[in-house]
Amino acid sequence: MRLMKTEDAVGQVICHDITQIIKGVTKDAVFRKGHIIKEEDIPVLLSVGKDHIYIWENDETMMHENDAAEVLCAISKGENISRGQVKEGKIELAAECDGVLRIDREKLMAVNSFGQMMIATRHGDFPVKKGDKLAGTRIIPLVIEREKMERVKLAAGDKPILRVEPYIFRRAGIVSTGNEVFYGRIKDEFTPVVKTKLEEYGAEVKGIRVSDDKSENIEKCIRAFIEEGCDMVVCTGGMSVDPDDRTPLAIRNVCGSAVTYGAPVLPGAMFMLAYYGKNNIPVMGLPGCVMYARRTIFDIVLPRIMTGEILEKTDFDRLGEGGLCLNCEICTFPNCGFGK
């Protein structure tokens, strides 16, 4: 790469994209890398402030920004991710299907720690839709040492940094608990909310059972759904610490233990998750806030469960930072800080 006076550059090859900005009209490359400068290009180059211009001189020890961006793209792009064209040294990645974005955070940190390069992503472990932008890659200078990019590839290894895990089909059973619902004293407003959220991620609600507050009856409902082939059971109500709230006991009796009863998330602190049997069938207990709050712990956990991920207690413990929903007047979840 050599710098020369623009008026003297006719016939030379431009080594980087040159951007033209006209307010309200355009912000795009007026010339692309590899363009051979013609006489009529000189006034345009001068109009975008290029009194001098870098022209390309082949150097086997260095790598151009576009080629380096390709390296970063290759180590980032995993399953169910598409890529855009290289533009001004940048490549953007997008989701090819609905699912949950997974990020190898250690590798991402390692690559960005090399310096002179970057991979910027949206938050991982959150739902994305087909076509959503996931990440962008580029190097910072116009050229970078080829040997450095080889070291980056070695550090990244064989598995890509990013992937999108699609939702798997699940058959869900809903157990609605509470004497007030069981005896018809009030209308069940909880179940329709849960049903809608499950179907949003492709689950099929196979049935709804209503139980009184007796733990043994709640257990029977849970076991019945499992015996009928449900891949997931969701229990609503009876999740607080009141003596007559028996849903947590019923879930523990069925599953033997629980991953968590409680999470550092508001709304949703009284959430419960357990797994049943060798097939790890998730059984969840939903606190009452899921019925009336727009977004809760259920919205954070459900997409991950729908990919088949087996959650551990540490997955919940780390939700404390970002676990406070701000109840914004206009909800933009998941494009906000809740759960991140």
Protein backbone atom coordinates (compact mmCIF):
# COMPACT_ATOMS: atom_id res chain seq x y z
CA MET A 1 0.00 0.00 0.00
CA ARG A 2 1.45 3.36 -1.05
CA LEU A 3 0.16 6.90 -0.60
CA MET A 4 0.24 9.13 -3.66
CA LYS A 5 -1.26 12.39 -4.87
CA THR A 6 -4.76 11.81 -6.25
CA GLU A 7 -4.16 13.75 -9.48
CA ASP A 8 -1.29 11.38 -10.25
CA ALA A 9 -3.22 8.16 -9.51
CA VAL A 10 -4.85 7.50 -12.88
CA GLY A 11 -4.40 3.83 -13.73
CA GLN A 12 -3.68 2.82 -10.14
CA VAL A 13 -5.76 0.31 -8.11
CA ILE A 14 -7.68 1.57 -5.07
CA CYS A 15 -6.91 -0.59 -2.03
CA HIS A 16 -9.95 0.23 0.10
CA ASP A 17 -13.57 1.28 -0.31
CA ILE A 18 -14.08 5.04 -0.42
CA THR A 19 -17.25 6.36 1.15
CA GLN A 20 -19.29 9.28 -0.10
CA ILE A 21 -21.65 10.98 2.36
CA ILE A 22 -24.35 13.33 1.08
CA LYS A 23 -26.70 14.26 3.93
CA GLY A 24 -30.17 12.89 3.36
CA VAL A 25 -29.13 11.25 0.07
CA THR A 26 -26.43 8.61 0.49
CA LYS A 27 -23.76 7.12 2.70
CA ASP A 28 -22.12 4.40 0.65
CA ALA A 29 -18.95 3.45 -1.15
CA VAL A 30 -18.52 5.57 -4.26
CA PHE A 31 -15.52 3.43 -5.26
CA ARG A 32 -14.79 -0.14 -4.20
CA LYS A 33 -11.53 -1.87 -3.43
CA GLY A 34 -9.90 -2.96 -6.69
CA HIS A 35 -11.33 -0.08 -8.78
CA ILE A 36 -8.90 1.17 -11.38
CA ILE A 37 -8.81 4.96 -11.22
CA LYS A 38 -9.86 6.78 -14.40
CA GLU A 39 -9.37 10.43 -15.32
CA GLU A 40 -13.06 11.20 -14.69
CA ASP A 41 -12.78 9.75 -11.17
CA ILE A 42 -10.34 12.43 -10.00
CA PRO A 43 -12.95 15.20 -9.35
CA VAL A 44 -15.12 12.73 -7.42
CA LEU A 45 -12.22 11.62 -5.25
CA LEU A 46 -11.30 15.22 -4.52
CA SER A 47 -14.94 16.01 -3.63
CA VAL A 48 -14.87 13.40 -0.87
CA GLY A 49 -11.67 14.84 0.59
CA LYS A 50 -9.13 12.53 -0.99
CA ASP A 51 -6.28 14.86 -1.96
CA HIS A 52 -4.05 11.84 -1.52
CA ILE A 53 -5.03 8.21 -1.93
CA TYR A 54 -3.65 4.83 -1.00
CA ILE A 55 -3.04 2.56 -3.95
CA TRP A 56 -2.51 -1.18 -3.72
CA GLU A 57 0.95 -2.70 -3.83
CA ASN A 58 1.04 -6.44 -3.34
CA ASP A 59 2.79 -7.52 -0.13
CA GLU A 60 2.65 -11.20 0.77
CA THR A 61 3.25 -10.45 4.46
CA MET A 62 0.15 -8.27 4.80
CA MET A 63 -3.57 -8.91 4.40
CA HIS A 64 -6.13 -6.40 3.14
CA GLU A 65 -9.08 -5.45 5.38
CA ASN A 66 -11.57 -7.28 3.16
CA ASP A 67 -9.56 -10.49 3.23
CA ALA A 68 -9.07 -10.21 6.99
CA ALA A 69 -12.81 -9.67 7.44
CA GLU A 70 -13.33 -12.96 5.60
CA VAL A 71 -11.13 -14.70 8.17
CA LEU A 72 -13.13 -13.25 11.06
CA CYS A 73 -16.36 -14.20 9.32
CA ALA A 74 -15.18 -17.79 8.83
CA ILE A 75 -14.32 -18.29 12.51
CA SER A 76 -17.61 -16.68 13.60
CA LYS A 77 -20.22 -18.18 11.28
CA GLY A 78 -21.76 -21.36 12.62
CA GLU A 79 -24.95 -23.34 12.01
CA ASN A 80 -28.07 -21.54 10.80
CA ILE A 81 -26.23 -18.29 10.11
CA SER A 82 -25.91 -16.48 6.78
CA ARG A 83 -23.42 -13.83 5.78
CA GLY A 84 -23.54 -10.66 3.77
CA GLN A 85 -21.10 -9.35 1.21
CA VAL A 86 -17.88 -7.75 2.36
CA LYS A 87 -18.33 -3.98 2.33
CA GLU A 88 -15.74 -1.43 3.42
CA GLY A 89 -13.93 -4.16 5.30
CA LYS A 90 -17.06 -5.32 7.16
CA ILE A 91 -19.17 -8.47 6.96
CA GLU A 92 -22.51 -8.84 8.73
CA LEU A 93 -24.02 -12.13 9.89
CA ALA A 94 -27.75 -12.87 10.14
CA ALA A 95 -29.99 -15.65 11.42
CA GLU A 96 -31.22 -18.19 8.86
CA CYS A 97 -34.03 -19.40 11.14
CA ASP A 98 -35.86 -18.61 14.36
CA GLY A 99 -33.99 -19.85 17.40
CA VAL A 100 -31.61 -18.88 20.19
CA LEU A 101 -28.22 -17.29 19.53
CA ARG A 102 -25.34 -19.16 21.15
CA ILE A 103 -21.96 -17.51 21.66
CA ASP A 104 -18.65 -19.02 22.69
CA ARG A 105 -17.83 -16.09 24.95
CA GLU A 106 -14.28 -17.17 25.73
CA LYS A 107 -13.37 -17.34 22.04
CA LEU A 108 -15.10 -14.03 21.34
CA MET A 109 -13.08 -12.41 24.11
CA ALA A 110 -9.88 -14.03 22.86
CA VAL A 111 -10.30 -12.76 19.31
CA ASN A 112 -11.21 -9.23 20.37
CA SER A 113 -8.21 -9.23 22.71
CA PHE A 114 -5.79 -9.64 19.78
CA GLY A 115 -6.20 -5.98 18.94
CA GLN A 116 -6.65 -4.38 15.50
CA MET A 117 -9.75 -6.49 14.89
CA MET A 118 -13.29 -6.89 16.20
CA ILE A 119 -16.33 -9.13 16.26
CA ALA A 120 -19.38 -7.35 17.64
CA THR A 121 -22.51 -9.38 18.44
CA ARG A 122 -25.92 -9.03 20.01
CA HIS A 123 -26.45 -10.74 23.37
CA GLY A 124 -26.34 -14.51 23.36
CA ASP A 125 -28.86 -16.94 24.88
CA PHE A 126 -31.75 -14.85 23.61
CA PRO A 127 -34.29 -15.51 20.88
CA VAL A 128 -33.70 -14.30 17.34
CA LYS A 129 -35.89 -14.43 14.27
CA LYS A 130 -34.96 -15.36 10.74
CA GLY A 131 -33.20 -12.42 9.12
CA ASP A 132 -32.15 -10.75 12.38
CA LYS A 133 -28.69 -9.21 12.36
CA LEU A 134 -26.42 -11.14 14.72
CA ALA A 135 -22.89 -9.80 14.36
CA GLY A 136 -20.42 -7.75 12.35
CA THR A 137 -16.71 -8.37 11.76
CA ARG A 138 -13.85 -6.21 10.59
CA ILE A 139 -10.25 -5.27 11.24
CA ILE A 140 -9.43 -1.74 12.33
CA PRO A 141 -6.54 -0.75 9.97
CA LEU A 142 -6.62 -1.06 6.20
CA VAL A 143 -4.08 -3.88 6.26
CA ILE A 144 -2.92 -6.30 8.93
CA GLU A 145 -0.12 -8.82 9.30
CA ARG A 146 -1.04 -12.10 7.64
CA GLU A 147 0.77 -13.97 10.41
CA LYS A 148 -1.49 -12.33 13.02
CA MET A 149 -4.62 -13.52 11.24
CA GLU A 150 -3.18 -17.04 11.13
CA ARG A 151 -2.74 -16.89 14.91
CA VAL A 152 -6.35 -15.77 15.28
CA LYS A 153 -7.55 -18.77 13.26
CA LEU A 154 -5.47 -21.07 15.43
CA ALA A 155 -6.85 -19.56 18.63
CA ALA A 156 -10.44 -19.88 17.39
CA GLY A 157 -10.09 -23.58 16.66
CA ASP A 158 -12.46 -25.70 14.61
CA LYS A 159 -15.78 -24.72 16.21
CA PRO A 160 -17.30 -21.37 15.21
CA ILE A 161 -17.95 -18.65 17.76
CA LEU A 162 -21.60 -18.18 16.86
CA ARG A 163 -24.51 -20.47 16.03
CA VAL A 164 -28.28 -20.34 16.10
CA GLU A 165 -30.02 -23.26 17.75
CA PRO A 166 -33.51 -23.76 16.28
CA TYR A 167 -36.50 -24.58 18.44
CA ILE A 168 -37.44 -28.23 18.70
CA PHE A 169 -41.02 -29.42 18.66
CA ARG A 170 -42.41 -30.03 22.13
CA ARG A 171 -45.76 -31.30 23.34
CA ALA A 172 -46.70 -29.41 26.47
CA GLY A 173 -49.20 -30.04 29.23
CA ILE A 174 -50.50 -27.21 31.42
CA VAL A 175 -51.53 -27.83 35.03
CA SER A 176 -53.65 -24.99 36.38
CA THR A 177 -53.74 -25.10 40.17
CA GLY A 178 -55.81 -23.43 42.85
CA ASN A 179 -59.10 -24.10 44.64
CA GLU A 180 -60.54 -20.88 43.27
CA VAL A 181 -60.12 -22.14 39.70
CA PHE A 182 -60.85 -25.81 40.44
CA TYR A 183 -64.21 -25.01 42.03
CA GLY A 184 -65.13 -22.44 39.38
CA ARG A 185 -65.09 -19.44 41.70
CA ILE A 186 -63.02 -17.40 39.26
CA LYS A 187 -62.21 -17.63 35.58
CA ASP A 188 -58.80 -19.08 34.70
CA GLU A 189 -56.94 -16.10 33.24
CA PHE A 190 -53.52 -17.72 33.65
CA THR A 191 -53.69 -20.64 31.22
CA PRO A 192 -54.46 -18.62 28.06
CA VAL A 193 -51.36 -16.47 28.65
CA VAL A 194 -49.12 -19.52 29.07
CA LYS A 195 -50.65 -21.26 26.06
CA THR A 196 -49.94 -18.24 23.86
CA LYS A 197 -46.32 -18.04 24.98
CA LEU A 198 -45.74 -21.75 24.41
CA GLU A 199 -47.22 -21.63 20.92
CA GLU A 200 -45.05 -18.62 20.08
CA TYR A 201 -42.06 -20.99 20.12
CA GLY A 202 -43.73 -23.82 18.26
CA ALA A 203 -44.94 -25.96 21.16
CA GLU A 204 -48.21 -27.85 20.89
CA VAL A 205 -50.39 -27.72 24.00
CA LYS A 206 -51.67 -31.29 24.31
CA GLY A 207 -53.98 -30.62 27.21
CA ILE A 208 -54.95 -28.58 30.25
CA ARG A 209 -55.68 -30.10 33.64
CA VAL A 210 -57.10 -28.18 36.59
CA SER A 211 -56.19 -29.23 40.13
CA ASP A 212 -57.13 -28.10 43.60
CA ASP A 213 -54.42 -27.07 46.07
CA LYS A 214 -53.63 -30.59 47.28
CA SER A 215 -50.08 -31.54 46.31
CA GLU A 216 -51.01 -35.15 45.61
CA ASN A 217 -53.61 -34.04 43.04
CA ILE A 218 -51.14 -31.70 41.38
CA GLU A 219 -48.68 -34.60 41.22
CA LYS A 220 -51.28 -36.79 39.52
CA CYS A 221 -51.82 -34.15 36.84
CA ILE A 222 -48.10 -33.80 36.17
CA ARG A 223 -47.55 -37.56 35.99
CA ALA A 224 -50.54 -38.02 33.72
CA PHE A 225 -49.11 -35.59 31.15
CA ILE A 226 -45.71 -37.32 31.26
CA GLU A 227 -47.32 -40.74 30.81
CA GLU A 228 -49.24 -39.37 27.81
CA GLY A 229 -45.97 -38.42 26.11
CA CYS A 230 -45.70 -34.70 26.87
CA ASP A 231 -42.18 -33.30 26.49
CA MET A 232 -42.79 -30.46 28.93
CA VAL A 233 -45.18 -29.67 31.80
CA VAL A 234 -45.98 -26.16 32.98
CA CYS A 235 -47.75 -25.58 36.30
CA THR A 236 -49.47 -22.29 37.04
CA GLY A 237 -50.25 -20.91 40.47
CA GLY A 238 -49.48 -21.98 44.01
CA MET A 239 -45.83 -20.93 43.80
CA SER A 240 -45.46 -18.55 46.76
CA VAL A 241 -44.35 -19.39 50.30
CA ASP A 242 -47.86 -19.45 51.72
CA PRO A 243 -48.57 -22.71 53.61
CA ASP A 244 -51.36 -23.62 51.17
CA ASP A 245 -49.22 -23.14 48.05
CA ARG A 246 -48.27 -26.73 47.28
CA THR A 247 -47.09 -26.65 43.67
CA PRO A 248 -43.33 -26.65 44.51
CA LEU A 249 -43.79 -29.72 46.72
CA ALA A 250 -45.67 -31.53 43.95
CA ILE A 251 -42.97 -30.77 41.39
CA ARG A 252 -40.23 -32.00 43.73
CA ASN A 253 -42.16 -35.17 44.52
CA VAL A 254 -42.49 -35.96 40.82
CA CYS A 255 -38.96 -35.04 39.74
CA GLY A 256 -37.01 -35.91 42.89
CA SER A 257 -35.20 -32.57 42.98
CA ALA A 258 -35.25 -29.13 41.39
CA VAL A 259 -32.70 -27.12 39.45
CA THR A 260 -33.95 -24.00 41.18
CA TYR A 261 -36.82 -22.68 43.21
CA GLY A 262 -36.31 -18.95 42.97
CA ALA A 263 -34.39 -16.73 40.57
CA PRO A 264 -32.79 -13.27 40.86
CA VAL A 265 -35.31 -11.86 38.39
CA LEU A 266 -38.19 -9.43 38.84
CA PRO A 267 -40.88 -10.16 37.82
CA GLY A 268 -40.50 -13.89 38.39
CA ALA A 269 -38.56 -14.50 41.61
CA MET A 270 -40.71 -17.50 42.60
CA PHE A 271 -40.04 -19.48 39.41
CA MET A 272 -39.23 -23.19 39.64
CA LEU A 273 -37.55 -25.57 37.19
CA ALA A 274 -37.01 -29.31 37.54
CA TYR A 275 -36.34 -32.18 35.13
CA TYR A 276 -38.01 -35.56 35.12
CA GLY A 277 -36.35 -38.86 34.24
CA LYS A 278 -33.57 -39.81 31.88
CA ASN A 279 -35.15 -37.78 29.06
CA ASN A 280 -34.88 -34.61 31.13
CA ILE A 281 -38.49 -33.55 30.68
CA PRO A 282 -38.71 -29.96 31.97
CA VAL A 283 -41.35 -29.29 34.62
CA MET A 284 -41.85 -25.63 35.45
CA GLY A 285 -43.74 -23.80 38.16
CA LEU A 286 -44.79 -20.31 37.10
CA PRO A 287 -45.43 -17.53 39.62
CA GLY A 288 -48.54 -15.37 39.28
CA CYS A 289 -46.65 -12.47 37.68
CA VAL A 290 -46.50 -14.42 34.40
CA MET A 291 -50.26 -13.90 34.13
CA TYR A 292 -50.21 -10.10 34.27
CA ALA A 293 -46.68 -8.81 33.59
CA ARG A 294 -45.68 -8.33 29.96
CA ARG A 295 -42.26 -9.96 30.39
CA THR A 296 -40.97 -12.17 33.19
CA ILE A 297 -38.51 -14.94 33.98
CA PHE A 298 -40.63 -17.22 31.79
CA ASP A 299 -39.77 -15.16 28.69
CA ILE A 300 -36.06 -15.48 29.50
CA VAL A 301 -36.08 -19.22 30.20
CA LEU A 302 -38.65 -20.59 27.76
CA PRO A 303 -36.74 -19.98 24.47
CA ARG A 304 -33.68 -21.77 25.85
CA ILE A 305 -35.72 -24.73 27.00
CA MET A 306 -37.38 -24.88 23.59
CA THR A 307 -33.97 -25.52 21.98
CA GLY A 308 -33.41 -28.52 24.25
CA GLU A 309 -30.86 -26.82 26.48
CA ILE A 310 -30.55 -28.36 29.95
CA LEU A 311 -30.31 -25.42 32.31
CA GLU A 312 -28.29 -25.48 35.52
CA LYS A 313 -28.53 -23.40 38.67
CA THR A 314 -25.58 -21.23 37.59
CA ASP A 315 -27.60 -20.21 34.52
CA PHE A 316 -30.12 -18.66 36.89
CA ASP A 317 -27.60 -17.24 39.35
CA ARG A 318 -25.98 -15.10 36.65
CA LEU A 319 -29.32 -13.49 35.74
CA GLY A 320 -29.14 -11.12 38.70
CA GLU A 321 -27.34 -8.42 36.72
CA GLY A 322 -30.00 -7.34 34.24
CA GLY A 323 -32.70 -9.32 36.02
CA LEU A 324 -34.77 -6.25 36.84
CA CYS A 325 -37.46 -5.43 34.27
CA LEU A 326 -37.99 -1.67 34.07
CA ASN A 327 -41.59 -2.00 32.89
CA CYS A 328 -41.02 0.40 30.02
CA GLU A 329 -44.13 2.05 28.60
CA ILE A 330 -43.26 0.57 25.21
CA CYS A 331 -41.83 -2.93 25.64
CA THR A 332 -38.99 -3.78 23.23
CA PHE A 333 -37.99 -7.15 24.73
CA PRO A 334 -35.77 -8.96 23.85
CA ASN A 335 -34.06 -5.85 22.46
CA CYS A 336 -33.48 -4.39 25.92
CA GLY A 337 -31.40 -5.06 29.02
CA PHE A 338 -33.84 -7.42 30.75
CA GLY A 339 -32.16 -10.74 31.46
CA LYS A 340 -28.80 -9.66 30.04
